[in-house]
Amino acid sequence: MTVQSPTMVTFERILIPTDFSDLSVRALEYGKVIAKRYNSRILLAHVNLPVNPISPPEATWIEEQDEVWEKLEERLEENGSALRAEGFRAETVSLTGNIHEELQSTVEKHKTDLIVMGTHARSGLNRLLFGSETESLMRQAKCPVMVIGPSAPPAPQPAWQVKSVICATSLDPGEAWIAGYAYILALDHKAGFLLLHVKRAHDKGQGGDWQDFEKTFRESISPRHVDPAHFLCTQVSDDTLENTVLDLAKERDADLIVVGAHSASGIASHLLRGTAPKIIAKAPCPIMVLHQP
């Protein structure tokens, strides 16, 4: 079954998770410039980690935890008020629980159609929106997730304007709609568009059937008429996949890299588990991830 790409990409409601770190602030700046372009509503969310049930229920400790949460909620409200003062239609939501589960529930409840979040693309016990939490959300979110890594530049001003889009693909017809989505987004911005397929030099086959992919791609963006062959780039490389994508993004001065993510098997466009964080950590631009059922 062909998945139809939208005839126009719009972001009416944007969810921006924050842990008040520098990267969260940078993600918020990206969310703001996107909201300016699309006149979007902004939902600023903070997730409190639940109380550890193994910890002793000492009254003093509970009171201290409550005070911390209260201060975080005050800070969240201050940020929301600042957004409204700037003219944004913004609201805040304070959550408690598992980060990606709470955010996923918020997406469904508020019908948000874009998540913008910052990440260091690393794991660790002392992080909130880092590492595995980000990857879990990318693989399960029912809307696009724009990830702002540590190497991405500051948000462009005054509004989001994309000039060059790269979409990595495995040429699997089931993922052609992801390329279609990226292409429609590029058209909306009058941006250059490149469809990238990377195969190893020692691989015998193409690694995907171009004819089947092209047919499905055309169907996904109907009724628009394009010649996908004009922007397909097949890189034959013995280098790692992430280095190939990153090198091309730098060469083309890309503003956005678009990939897909499967729920369990890994990032689509053959970005296997563990590869996506490496790309996000070094990408010279934001990464937009689309969930592949």
C-alpha atoms as a PDB file:
ATOM      1  CA  MET A   1       0.000   0.000   0.000  1.00  0.00           C
ATOM      2  CA  THR A   2       1.345   3.428  -0.960  1.00  0.00           C
ATOM      3  CA  VAL A   3       1.532   5.998   1.816  1.00  0.00           C
ATOM      4  CA  GLN A   4       0.487   9.378   0.459  1.00  0.00           C
ATOM      5  CA  SER A   5       2.801  12.259   1.249  1.00  0.00           C
ATOM      6  CA  PRO A   6       1.094  15.565   2.090  1.00  0.00           C
ATOM      7  CA  THR A   7       0.491  17.999  -0.759  1.00  0.00           C
ATOM      8  CA  MET A   8       1.832  20.673   1.588  1.00  0.00           C
ATOM      9  CA  VAL A   9       3.828  20.375   4.812  1.00  0.00           C
ATOM     10  CA  THR A  10       2.367  22.390   7.688  1.00  0.00           C
ATOM     11  CA  PHE A  11       3.140  22.378  11.387  1.00  0.00           C
ATOM     12  CA  GLU A  12       0.106  23.649  13.266  1.00  0.00           C
ATOM     13  CA  ARG A  13       1.123  22.418  16.722  1.00  0.00           C
ATOM     14  CA  ILE A  14       4.757  22.047  17.794  1.00  0.00           C
ATOM     15  CA  LEU A  15       5.828  20.169  20.916  1.00  0.00           C
ATOM     16  CA  ILE A  16       9.144  21.328  22.379  1.00  0.00           C
ATOM     17  CA  PRO A  17      10.426  19.249  25.330  1.00  0.00           C
ATOM     18  CA  THR A  18      12.801  21.074  27.650  1.00  0.00           C
ATOM     19  CA  ASP A  19      15.100  20.191  30.514  1.00  0.00           C
ATOM     20  CA  PHE A  20      16.340  23.825  30.595  1.00  0.00           C
ATOM     21  CA  SER A  21      19.787  22.801  29.310  1.00  0.00           C
ATOM     22  CA  ASP A  22      21.650  24.826  26.679  1.00  0.00           C
ATOM     23  CA  LEU A  23      20.655  22.325  23.983  1.00  0.00           C
ATOM     24  CA  SER A  24      17.015  22.587  25.000  1.00  0.00           C
ATOM     25  CA  VAL A  25      17.255  26.357  24.678  1.00  0.00           C
ATOM     26  CA  ARG A  26      18.706  25.962  21.172  1.00  0.00           C
ATOM     27  CA  ALA A  27      15.901  23.557  20.255  1.00  0.00           C
ATOM     28  CA  LEU A  28      13.386  26.110  21.533  1.00  0.00           C
ATOM     29  CA  GLU A  29      14.934  28.741  19.249  1.00  0.00           C
ATOM     30  CA  TYR A  30      14.434  26.390  16.282  1.00  0.00           C
ATOM     31  CA  GLY A  31      10.863  25.755  17.395  1.00  0.00           C
ATOM     32  CA  LYS A  32      10.230  29.487  17.508  1.00  0.00           C
ATOM     33  CA  VAL A  33      11.496  30.205  13.979  1.00  0.00           C
ATOM     34  CA  ILE A  34       9.463  27.265  12.615  1.00  0.00           C
ATOM     35  CA  ALA A  35       6.396  28.569  14.475  1.00  0.00           C
ATOM     36  CA  LYS A  36       6.920  31.994  12.904  1.00  0.00           C
ATOM     37  CA  ARG A  37       6.917  30.527   9.404  1.00  0.00           C
ATOM     38  CA  TYR A  38       3.853  28.336   9.909  1.00  0.00           C
ATOM     39  CA  ASN A  39       1.998  30.397  12.536  1.00  0.00           C
ATOM     40  CA  SER A  40       2.154  27.349  14.807  1.00  0.00           C
ATOM     41  CA  ARG A  41       1.011  26.851  18.363  1.00  0.00           C
ATOM     42  CA  ILE A  42       3.860  25.951  20.723  1.00  0.00           C
ATOM     43  CA  LEU A  43       3.510  23.421  23.520  1.00  0.00           C
ATOM     44  CA  LEU A  44       6.503  23.635  25.869  1.00  0.00           C
ATOM     45  CA  ALA A  45       6.804  20.493  27.984  1.00  0.00           C
ATOM     46  CA  HIS A  46       8.969  19.440  30.910  1.00  0.00           C
ATOM     47  CA  VAL A  47       9.009  15.872  32.251  1.00  0.00           C
ATOM     48  CA  ASN A  48       9.831  15.271  35.912  1.00  0.00           C
ATOM     49  CA  LEU A  49      11.389  11.906  36.619  1.00  0.00           C
ATOM     50  CA  PRO A  50       9.174   9.852  38.965  1.00  0.00           C
ATOM     51  CA  VAL A  51      10.154   9.276  42.571  1.00  0.00           C
ATOM     52  CA  ASN A  52      12.242   6.121  42.883  1.00  0.00           C
ATOM     53  CA  PRO A  53      10.066   3.635  44.848  1.00  0.00           C
ATOM     54  CA  ILE A  54      13.217   1.960  46.200  1.00  0.00           C
ATOM     55  CA  SER A  55      14.300   5.160  47.927  1.00  0.00           C
ATOM     56  CA  PRO A  56      13.299   5.416  51.586  1.00  0.00           C
ATOM     57  CA  PRO A  57      10.096   7.465  51.944  1.00  0.00           C
ATOM     58  CA  GLU A  58      11.645   9.956  54.318  1.00  0.00           C
ATOM     59  CA  ALA A  59       9.515  13.064  54.801  1.00  0.00           C
ATOM     60  CA  THR A  60      12.443  15.495  54.452  1.00  0.00           C
ATOM     61  CA  TRP A  61      13.554  13.957  51.169  1.00  0.00           C
ATOM     62  CA  ILE A  62       9.998  14.077  49.781  1.00  0.00           C
ATOM     63  CA  GLU A  63       9.672  17.732  50.763  1.00  0.00           C
ATOM     64  CA  GLU A  64      12.953  18.573  49.048  1.00  0.00           C
ATOM     65  CA  GLN A  65      11.805  16.777  45.895  1.00  0.00           C
ATOM     66  CA  ASP A  66       8.536  18.703  45.934  1.00  0.00           C
ATOM     67  CA  GLU A  67      10.466  21.962  46.229  1.00  0.00           C
ATOM     68  CA  VAL A  68      12.632  21.039  43.219  1.00  0.00           C
ATOM     69  CA  TRP A  69       9.564  20.202  41.122  1.00  0.00           C
ATOM     70  CA  GLU A  70       7.869  23.419  42.192  1.00  0.00           C
ATOM     71  CA  LYS A  71      10.873  25.480  41.082  1.00  0.00           C
ATOM     72  CA  LEU A  72      11.005  23.636  37.751  1.00  0.00           C
ATOM     73  CA  GLU A  73       7.308  24.315  37.160  1.00  0.00           C
ATOM     74  CA  GLU A  74       7.851  27.988  37.959  1.00  0.00           C
ATOM     75  CA  ARG A  75      10.702  28.100  35.464  1.00  0.00           C
ATOM     76  CA  LEU A  76       8.541  26.369  32.866  1.00  0.00           C
ATOM     77  CA  GLU A  77       5.766  28.929  33.376  1.00  0.00           C
ATOM     78  CA  GLU A  78       8.263  31.780  33.102  1.00  0.00           C
ATOM     79  CA  ASN A  79       9.424  30.397  29.757  1.00  0.00           C
ATOM     80  CA  GLY A  80       5.820  30.071  28.591  1.00  0.00           C
ATOM     81  CA  SER A  81       5.062  33.653  29.610  1.00  0.00           C
ATOM     82  CA  ALA A  82       8.169  34.844  27.754  1.00  0.00           C
ATOM     83  CA  LEU A  83       6.979  33.092  24.586  1.00  0.00           C
ATOM     84  CA  ARG A  84       3.544  34.695  24.833  1.00  0.00           C
ATOM     85  CA  ALA A  85       5.169  38.078  25.421  1.00  0.00           C
ATOM     86  CA  GLU A  86       7.007  37.571  22.110  1.00  0.00           C
ATOM     87  CA  GLY A  87       3.665  37.052  20.399  1.00  0.00           C
ATOM     88  CA  PHE A  88       3.635  33.244  20.186  1.00  0.00           C
ATOM     89  CA  ARG A  89       0.545  31.172  20.871  1.00  0.00           C
ATOM     90  CA  ALA A  90       2.157  29.094  23.586  1.00  0.00           C
ATOM     91  CA  GLU A  91       1.185  26.940  26.521  1.00  0.00           C
ATOM     92  CA  THR A  92       3.139  24.793  28.964  1.00  0.00           C
ATOM     93  CA  VAL A  93       2.645  21.320  30.344  1.00  0.00           C
ATOM     94  CA  SER A  94       4.428  19.744  33.308  1.00  0.00           C
ATOM     95  CA  LEU A  95       4.587  15.945  33.252  1.00  0.00           C
ATOM     96  CA  THR A  96       5.883  13.221  35.549  1.00  0.00           C
ATOM     97  CA  GLY A  97       6.988   9.760  34.445  1.00  0.00           C
ATOM     98  CA  ASN A  98       8.948   8.045  31.719  1.00  0.00           C
ATOM     99  CA  ILE A  99      10.153  10.737  29.306  1.00  0.00           C
ATOM    100  CA  HIS A 100       9.362   9.240  25.929  1.00  0.00           C
ATOM    101  CA  GLU A 101       6.080   7.691  27.136  1.00  0.00           C
ATOM    102  CA  GLU A 102       4.868  10.989  28.594  1.00  0.00           C
ATOM    103  CA  LEU A 103       5.848  12.920  25.490  1.00  0.00           C
ATOM    104  CA  GLN A 104       4.247  10.330  23.225  1.00  0.00           C
ATOM    105  CA  SER A 105       1.033  10.609  25.208  1.00  0.00           C
ATOM    106  CA  THR A 106       1.217  14.402  24.954  1.00  0.00           C
ATOM    107  CA  VAL A 107       1.602  14.197  21.164  1.00  0.00           C
ATOM    108  CA  GLU A 108      -1.581  12.124  20.918  1.00  0.00           C
ATOM    109  CA  LYS A 109      -3.544  14.213  23.413  1.00  0.00           C
ATOM    110  CA  HIS A 110      -2.701  17.572  21.858  1.00  0.00           C
ATOM    111  CA  LYS A 111      -2.505  16.287  18.264  1.00  0.00           C
ATOM    112  CA  THR A 112       0.897  17.850  17.746  1.00  0.00           C
ATOM    113  CA  ASP A 113       2.428  17.400  14.297  1.00  0.00           C
ATOM    114  CA  LEU A 114       6.085  18.184  15.031  1.00  0.00           C
ATOM    115  CA  ILE A 115       8.470  17.607  17.936  1.00  0.00           C
ATOM    116  CA  VAL A 116      11.592  19.774  18.170  1.00  0.00           C
ATOM    117  CA  MET A 117      14.143  18.627  20.723  1.00  0.00           C
ATOM    118  CA  GLY A 118      17.827  18.956  21.555  1.00  0.00           C
ATOM    119  CA  THR A 119      20.134  16.086  22.382  1.00  0.00           C
ATOM    120  CA  HIS A 120      23.788  15.291  22.984  1.00  0.00           C
ATOM    121  CA  ALA A 121      23.154  11.932  21.242  1.00  0.00           C
ATOM    122  CA  ARG A 122      24.743  10.052  24.117  1.00  0.00           C
ATOM    123  CA  SER A 123      23.616   7.853  26.994  1.00  0.00           C
ATOM    124  CA  GLY A 124      24.082   8.460  30.669  1.00  0.00           C
ATOM    125  CA  LEU A 125      22.217   8.507  33.962  1.00  0.00           C
ATOM    126  CA  ASN A 126      22.602  12.242  34.420  1.00  0.00           C
ATOM    127  CA  ARG A 127      20.658  13.261  31.305  1.00  0.00           C
ATOM    128  CA  LEU A 128      17.011  13.909  30.554  1.00  0.00           C
ATOM    129  CA  LEU A 129      16.573  14.404  26.814  1.00  0.00           C
ATOM    130  CA  PHE A 130      19.737  12.574  25.791  1.00  0.00           C
ATOM    131  CA  GLY A 131      20.722   9.239  24.300  1.00  0.00           C
ATOM    132  CA  SER A 132      18.249   6.397  24.586  1.00  0.00           C
ATOM    133  CA  GLU A 133      15.295   8.633  25.476  1.00  0.00           C
ATOM    134  CA  THR A 134      15.687  10.589  22.247  1.00  0.00           C
ATOM    135  CA  GLU A 135      16.096   7.420  20.205  1.00  0.00           C
ATOM    136  CA  SER A 136      13.006   5.847  21.789  1.00  0.00           C
ATOM    137  CA  LEU A 137      10.946   8.893  20.913  1.00  0.00           C
ATOM    138  CA  MET A 138      12.281   8.963  17.342  1.00  0.00           C
ATOM    139  CA  ARG A 139      11.269   5.332  16.859  1.00  0.00           C
ATOM    140  CA  GLN A 140       7.768   5.661  18.314  1.00  0.00           C
ATOM    141  CA  ALA A 141       6.510   9.187  17.710  1.00  0.00           C
ATOM    142  CA  LYS A 142       3.517   9.451  15.385  1.00  0.00           C
ATOM    143  CA  CYS A 143       4.733  12.801  14.053  1.00  0.00           C
ATOM    144  CA  PRO A 144       8.076  14.049  12.676  1.00  0.00           C
ATOM    145  CA  VAL A 145      10.825  14.605  15.243  1.00  0.00           C
ATOM    146  CA  MET A 146      13.373  17.314  14.538  1.00  0.00           C
ATOM    147  CA  VAL A 147      16.532  16.670  16.522  1.00  0.00           C
ATOM    148  CA  ILE A 148      18.982  19.504  17.166  1.00  0.00           C
ATOM    149  CA  GLY A 149      22.394  18.005  17.878  1.00  0.00           C
ATOM    150  CA  PRO A 150      25.389  19.743  19.457  1.00  0.00           C
ATOM    151  CA  SER A 151      27.021  20.508  16.083  1.00  0.00           C
ATOM    152  CA  ALA A 152      23.950  22.093  14.522  1.00  0.00           C
ATOM    153  CA  PRO A 153      24.195  25.862  14.049  1.00  0.00           C
ATOM    154  CA  PRO A 154      21.991  28.342  15.912  1.00  0.00           C
ATOM    155  CA  ALA A 155      18.473  28.727  14.548  1.00  0.00           C
ATOM    156  CA  PRO A 156      18.257  31.017  11.512  1.00  0.00           C
ATOM    157  CA  GLN A 157      16.536  34.342  11.988  1.00  0.00           C
ATOM    158  CA  PRO A 158      13.926  35.686  11.771  1.00  0.00           C
ATOM    159  CA  ALA A 159      12.032  32.632  10.450  1.00  0.00           C
ATOM    160  CA  TRP A 160      12.914  29.107   9.359  1.00  0.00           C
ATOM    161  CA  GLN A 161      14.149  29.042   5.776  1.00  0.00           C
ATOM    162  CA  VAL A 162      15.623  25.862   4.289  1.00  0.00           C
ATOM    163  CA  LYS A 163      17.867  26.079   1.221  1.00  0.00           C
ATOM    164  CA  SER A 164      19.163  22.491   0.925  1.00  0.00           C
ATOM    165  CA  VAL A 165      17.557  19.189   1.983  1.00  0.00           C
ATOM    166  CA  ILE A 166      19.162  15.741   1.935  1.00  0.00           C
ATOM    167  CA  CYS A 167      17.012  12.623   2.331  1.00  0.00           C
ATOM    168  CA  ALA A 168      18.853   9.330   2.918  1.00  0.00           C
ATOM    169  CA  THR A 169      17.107   6.257   1.501  1.00  0.00           C
ATOM    170  CA  SER A 170      17.605   2.511   1.192  1.00  0.00           C
ATOM    171  CA  LEU A 171      15.435   2.445  -1.977  1.00  0.00           C
ATOM    172  CA  ASP A 172      12.879   0.327  -0.133  1.00  0.00           C
ATOM    173  CA  PRO A 173       9.509   1.180  -1.776  1.00  0.00           C
ATOM    174  CA  GLY A 174       7.924   1.060   1.678  1.00  0.00           C
ATOM    175  CA  GLU A 175      10.005   4.095   2.627  1.00  0.00           C
ATOM    176  CA  ALA A 176       9.361   6.093  -0.547  1.00  0.00           C
ATOM    177  CA  TRP A 177       6.764   8.232   1.255  1.00  0.00           C
ATOM    178  CA  ILE A 178       9.574   9.532   3.509  1.00  0.00           C
ATOM    179  CA  ALA A 179      11.388  10.794   0.415  1.00  0.00           C
ATOM    180  CA  GLY A 180       8.075  12.241  -0.766  1.00  0.00           C
ATOM    181  CA  TYR A 181       7.594  14.105   2.502  1.00  0.00           C
ATOM    182  CA  ALA A 182      11.130  15.512   2.326  1.00  0.00           C
ATOM    183  CA  TYR A 183      10.601  16.531  -1.296  1.00  0.00           C
ATOM    184  CA  ILE A 184       7.337  18.374  -0.556  1.00  0.00           C
ATOM    185  CA  LEU A 185       9.041  20.158   2.357  1.00  0.00           C
ATOM    186  CA  ALA A 186      11.893  21.204   0.056  1.00  0.00           C
ATOM    187  CA  LEU A 187       9.389  22.489  -2.518  1.00  0.00           C
ATOM    188  CA  ASP A 188       7.645  24.541   0.165  1.00  0.00           C
ATOM    189  CA  HIS A 189      10.947  26.268   0.924  1.00  0.00           C
ATOM    190  CA  LYS A 190      12.068  26.386  -2.734  1.00  0.00           C
ATOM    191  CA  ALA A 191      15.096  24.460  -1.502  1.00  0.00           C
ATOM    192  CA  GLY A 192      17.494  22.166  -3.303  1.00  0.00           C
ATOM    193  CA  PHE A 193      16.719  18.466  -2.802  1.00  0.00           C
ATOM    194  CA  LEU A 194      19.000  15.435  -2.918  1.00  0.00           C
ATOM    195  CA  LEU A 195      17.932  11.810  -2.529  1.00  0.00           C
ATOM    196  CA  LEU A 196      20.934   9.905  -1.178  1.00  0.00           C
ATOM    197  CA  HIS A 197      21.470   6.169  -1.418  1.00  0.00           C
ATOM    198  CA  VAL A 198      24.712   4.749  -0.027  1.00  0.00           C
ATOM    199  CA  LYS A 199      25.963   1.305  -0.950  1.00  0.00           C
ATOM    200  CA  ARG A 200      29.185  -0.455  -0.108  1.00  0.00           C
ATOM    201  CA  ALA A 201      31.802  -0.876  -2.822  1.00  0.00           C
ATOM    202  CA  HIS A 202      31.908  -4.643  -2.236  1.00  0.00           C
ATOM    203  CA  ASP A 203      28.109  -5.055  -2.521  1.00  0.00           C
ATOM    204  CA  LYS A 204      27.116  -6.789  -5.749  1.00  0.00           C
ATOM    205  CA  GLY A 205      23.619  -5.381  -6.090  1.00  0.00           C
ATOM    206  CA  GLN A 206      22.144  -1.898  -5.947  1.00  0.00           C
ATOM    207  CA  GLY A 207      20.921  -2.545  -2.408  1.00  0.00           C
ATOM    208  CA  GLY A 208      17.417  -1.618  -3.517  1.00  0.00           C
ATOM    209  CA  ASP A 209      15.273  -1.633  -6.634  1.00  0.00           C
ATOM    210  CA  TRP A 210      15.221   1.864  -8.154  1.00  0.00           C
ATOM    211  CA  GLN A 211      12.316   1.218 -10.540  1.00  0.00           C
ATOM    212  CA  ASP A 212       9.971   0.025  -7.778  1.00  0.00           C
ATOM    213  CA  PHE A 213      11.094   2.847  -5.498  1.00  0.00           C
ATOM    214  CA  GLU A 214      10.625   5.481  -8.218  1.00  0.00           C
ATOM    215  CA  LYS A 215       7.115   4.247  -9.013  1.00  0.00           C
ATOM    216  CA  THR A 216       6.080   4.362  -5.357  1.00  0.00           C
ATOM    217  CA  PHE A 217       7.746   7.734  -4.876  1.00  0.00           C
ATOM    218  CA  ARG A 218       5.812   9.236  -7.784  1.00  0.00           C
ATOM    219  CA  GLU A 219       2.563   7.830  -6.394  1.00  0.00           C
ATOM    220  CA  SER A 220       3.313   9.223  -2.934  1.00  0.00           C
ATOM    221  CA  ILE A 221       3.603  12.804  -4.185  1.00  0.00           C
ATOM    222  CA  SER A 222       0.798  12.653  -6.768  1.00  0.00           C
ATOM    223  CA  PRO A 223      -0.440  14.838  -8.441  1.00  0.00           C
ATOM    224  CA  ARG A 224       2.958  16.584  -8.605  1.00  0.00           C
ATOM    225  CA  HIS A 225       5.069  15.652 -11.619  1.00  0.00           C
ATOM    226  CA  VAL A 226       8.786  15.193 -11.071  1.00  0.00           C
ATOM    227  CA  ASP A 227      11.724  13.265 -12.438  1.00  0.00           C
ATOM    228  CA  PRO A 228      13.307  11.648  -9.332  1.00  0.00           C
ATOM    229  CA  ALA A 229      16.335  10.548 -11.352  1.00  0.00           C
ATOM    230  CA  HIS A 230      17.399  14.190 -11.548  1.00  0.00           C
ATOM    231  CA  PHE A 231      18.094  14.353  -7.823  1.00  0.00           C
ATOM    232  CA  LEU A 232      19.099  10.785  -6.971  1.00  0.00           C
ATOM    233  CA  CYS A 233      22.687  10.449  -5.777  1.00  0.00           C
ATOM    234  CA  THR A 234      24.082   6.938  -5.257  1.00  0.00           C
ATOM    235  CA  GLN A 235      27.325   7.008  -3.306  1.00  0.00           C
ATOM    236  CA  VAL A 236      29.567   3.953  -3.573  1.00  0.00           C
ATOM    237  CA  SER A 237      31.726   4.011  -0.472  1.00  0.00           C
ATOM    238  CA  ASP A 238      33.801   1.852   1.830  1.00  0.00           C
ATOM    239  CA  ASP A 239      33.561   4.518   4.512  1.00  0.00           C
ATOM    240  CA  THR A 240      30.988   4.326   7.289  1.00  0.00           C
ATOM    241  CA  LEU A 241      27.431   5.320   6.463  1.00  0.00           C
ATOM    242  CA  GLU A 242      27.434   8.179   8.953  1.00  0.00           C
ATOM    243  CA  ASN A 243      30.625   9.668   7.504  1.00  0.00           C
ATOM    244  CA  THR A 244      29.232   9.486   3.979  1.00  0.00           C
ATOM    245  CA  VAL A 245      26.040  11.289   4.992  1.00  0.00           C
ATOM    246  CA  LEU A 246      27.913  13.875   7.064  1.00  0.00           C
ATOM    247  CA  ASP A 247      30.482  14.582   4.359  1.00  0.00           C
ATOM    248  CA  LEU A 248      27.779  15.167   1.762  1.00  0.00           C
ATOM    249  CA  ALA A 249      25.779  17.366   4.145  1.00  0.00           C
ATOM    250  CA  LYS A 250      28.842  19.546   4.699  1.00  0.00           C
ATOM    251  CA  GLU A 251      29.690  19.593   1.002  1.00  0.00           C
ATOM    252  CA  ARG A 252      26.189  20.772   0.064  1.00  0.00           C
ATOM    253  CA  ASP A 253      25.827  23.049   3.096  1.00  0.00           C
ATOM    254  CA  ALA A 254      22.604  21.213   3.942  1.00  0.00           C
ATOM    255  CA  ASP A 255      20.045  22.850   6.241  1.00  0.00           C
ATOM    256  CA  LEU A 256      18.172  19.612   6.959  1.00  0.00           C
ATOM    257  CA  ILE A 257      18.753  15.849   6.782  1.00  0.00           C
ATOM    258  CA  VAL A 258      15.625  13.670   6.607  1.00  0.00           C
ATOM    259  CA  VAL A 259      15.609   9.975   7.546  1.00  0.00           C
ATOM    260  CA  GLY A 260      13.065   7.381   8.637  1.00  0.00           C
ATOM    261  CA  ALA A 261      12.965   5.288  11.807  1.00  0.00           C
ATOM    262  CA  HIS A 262      11.496   1.838  12.357  1.00  0.00           C
ATOM    263  CA  SER A 263      10.040   1.037  15.757  1.00  0.00           C
ATOM    264  CA  ALA A 264      12.430  -1.808  16.453  1.00  0.00           C
ATOM    265  CA  SER A 265      14.750  -2.664  13.610  1.00  0.00           C
ATOM    266  CA  GLY A 266      16.562   0.665  13.470  1.00  0.00           C
ATOM    267  CA  ILE A 267      16.713   3.867  11.510  1.00  0.00           C
ATOM    268  CA  ALA A 268      15.435   3.400   7.996  1.00  0.00           C
ATOM    269  CA  SER A 269      17.562   4.312   4.993  1.00  0.00           C
ATOM    270  CA  HIS A 270      19.812   1.627   6.464  1.00  0.00           C
ATOM    271  CA  LEU A 271      20.789   3.791   9.444  1.00  0.00           C
ATOM    272  CA  LEU A 272      21.158   0.943  11.908  1.00  0.00           C
ATOM    273  CA  ARG A 273      20.815   1.229  15.667  1.00  0.00           C
ATOM    274  CA  GLY A 274      23.794   3.149  16.972  1.00  0.00           C
ATOM    275  CA  THR A 275      24.389   4.971  13.672  1.00  0.00           C
ATOM    276  CA  ALA A 276      21.730   7.642  14.167  1.00  0.00           C
ATOM    277  CA  PRO A 277      23.270   9.031  17.386  1.00  0.00           C
ATOM    278  CA  LYS A 278      26.627   9.333  15.605  1.00  0.00           C
ATOM    279  CA  ILE A 279      25.055  11.328  12.790  1.00  0.00           C
ATOM    280  CA  ILE A 280      23.055  13.503  15.165  1.00  0.00           C
ATOM    281  CA  ALA A 281      26.133  14.226  17.288  1.00  0.00           C
ATOM    282  CA  LYS A 282      28.122  15.539  14.320  1.00  0.00           C
ATOM    283  CA  ALA A 283      25.484  16.726  11.860  1.00  0.00           C
ATOM    284  CA  PRO A 284      26.027  20.304  10.661  1.00  0.00           C
ATOM    285  CA  CYS A 285      22.260  20.810  10.571  1.00  0.00           C
ATOM    286  CA  PRO A 286      19.089  19.502  12.236  1.00  0.00           C
ATOM    287  CA  ILE A 287      17.900  15.935  11.565  1.00  0.00           C
ATOM    288  CA  MET A 288      14.210  15.281  10.853  1.00  0.00           C
ATOM    289  CA  VAL A 289      13.140  11.728  11.674  1.00  0.00           C
ATOM    290  CA  LEU A 290       9.883  10.236  10.369  1.00  0.00           C
ATOM    291  CA  HIS A 291       8.419   7.144  12.013  1.00  0.00           C
ATOM    292  CA  GLN A 292       8.165   4.141   9.699  1.00  0.00           C
ATOM    293  CA  PRO A 293       5.441   1.695  10.905  1.00  0.00           C
END
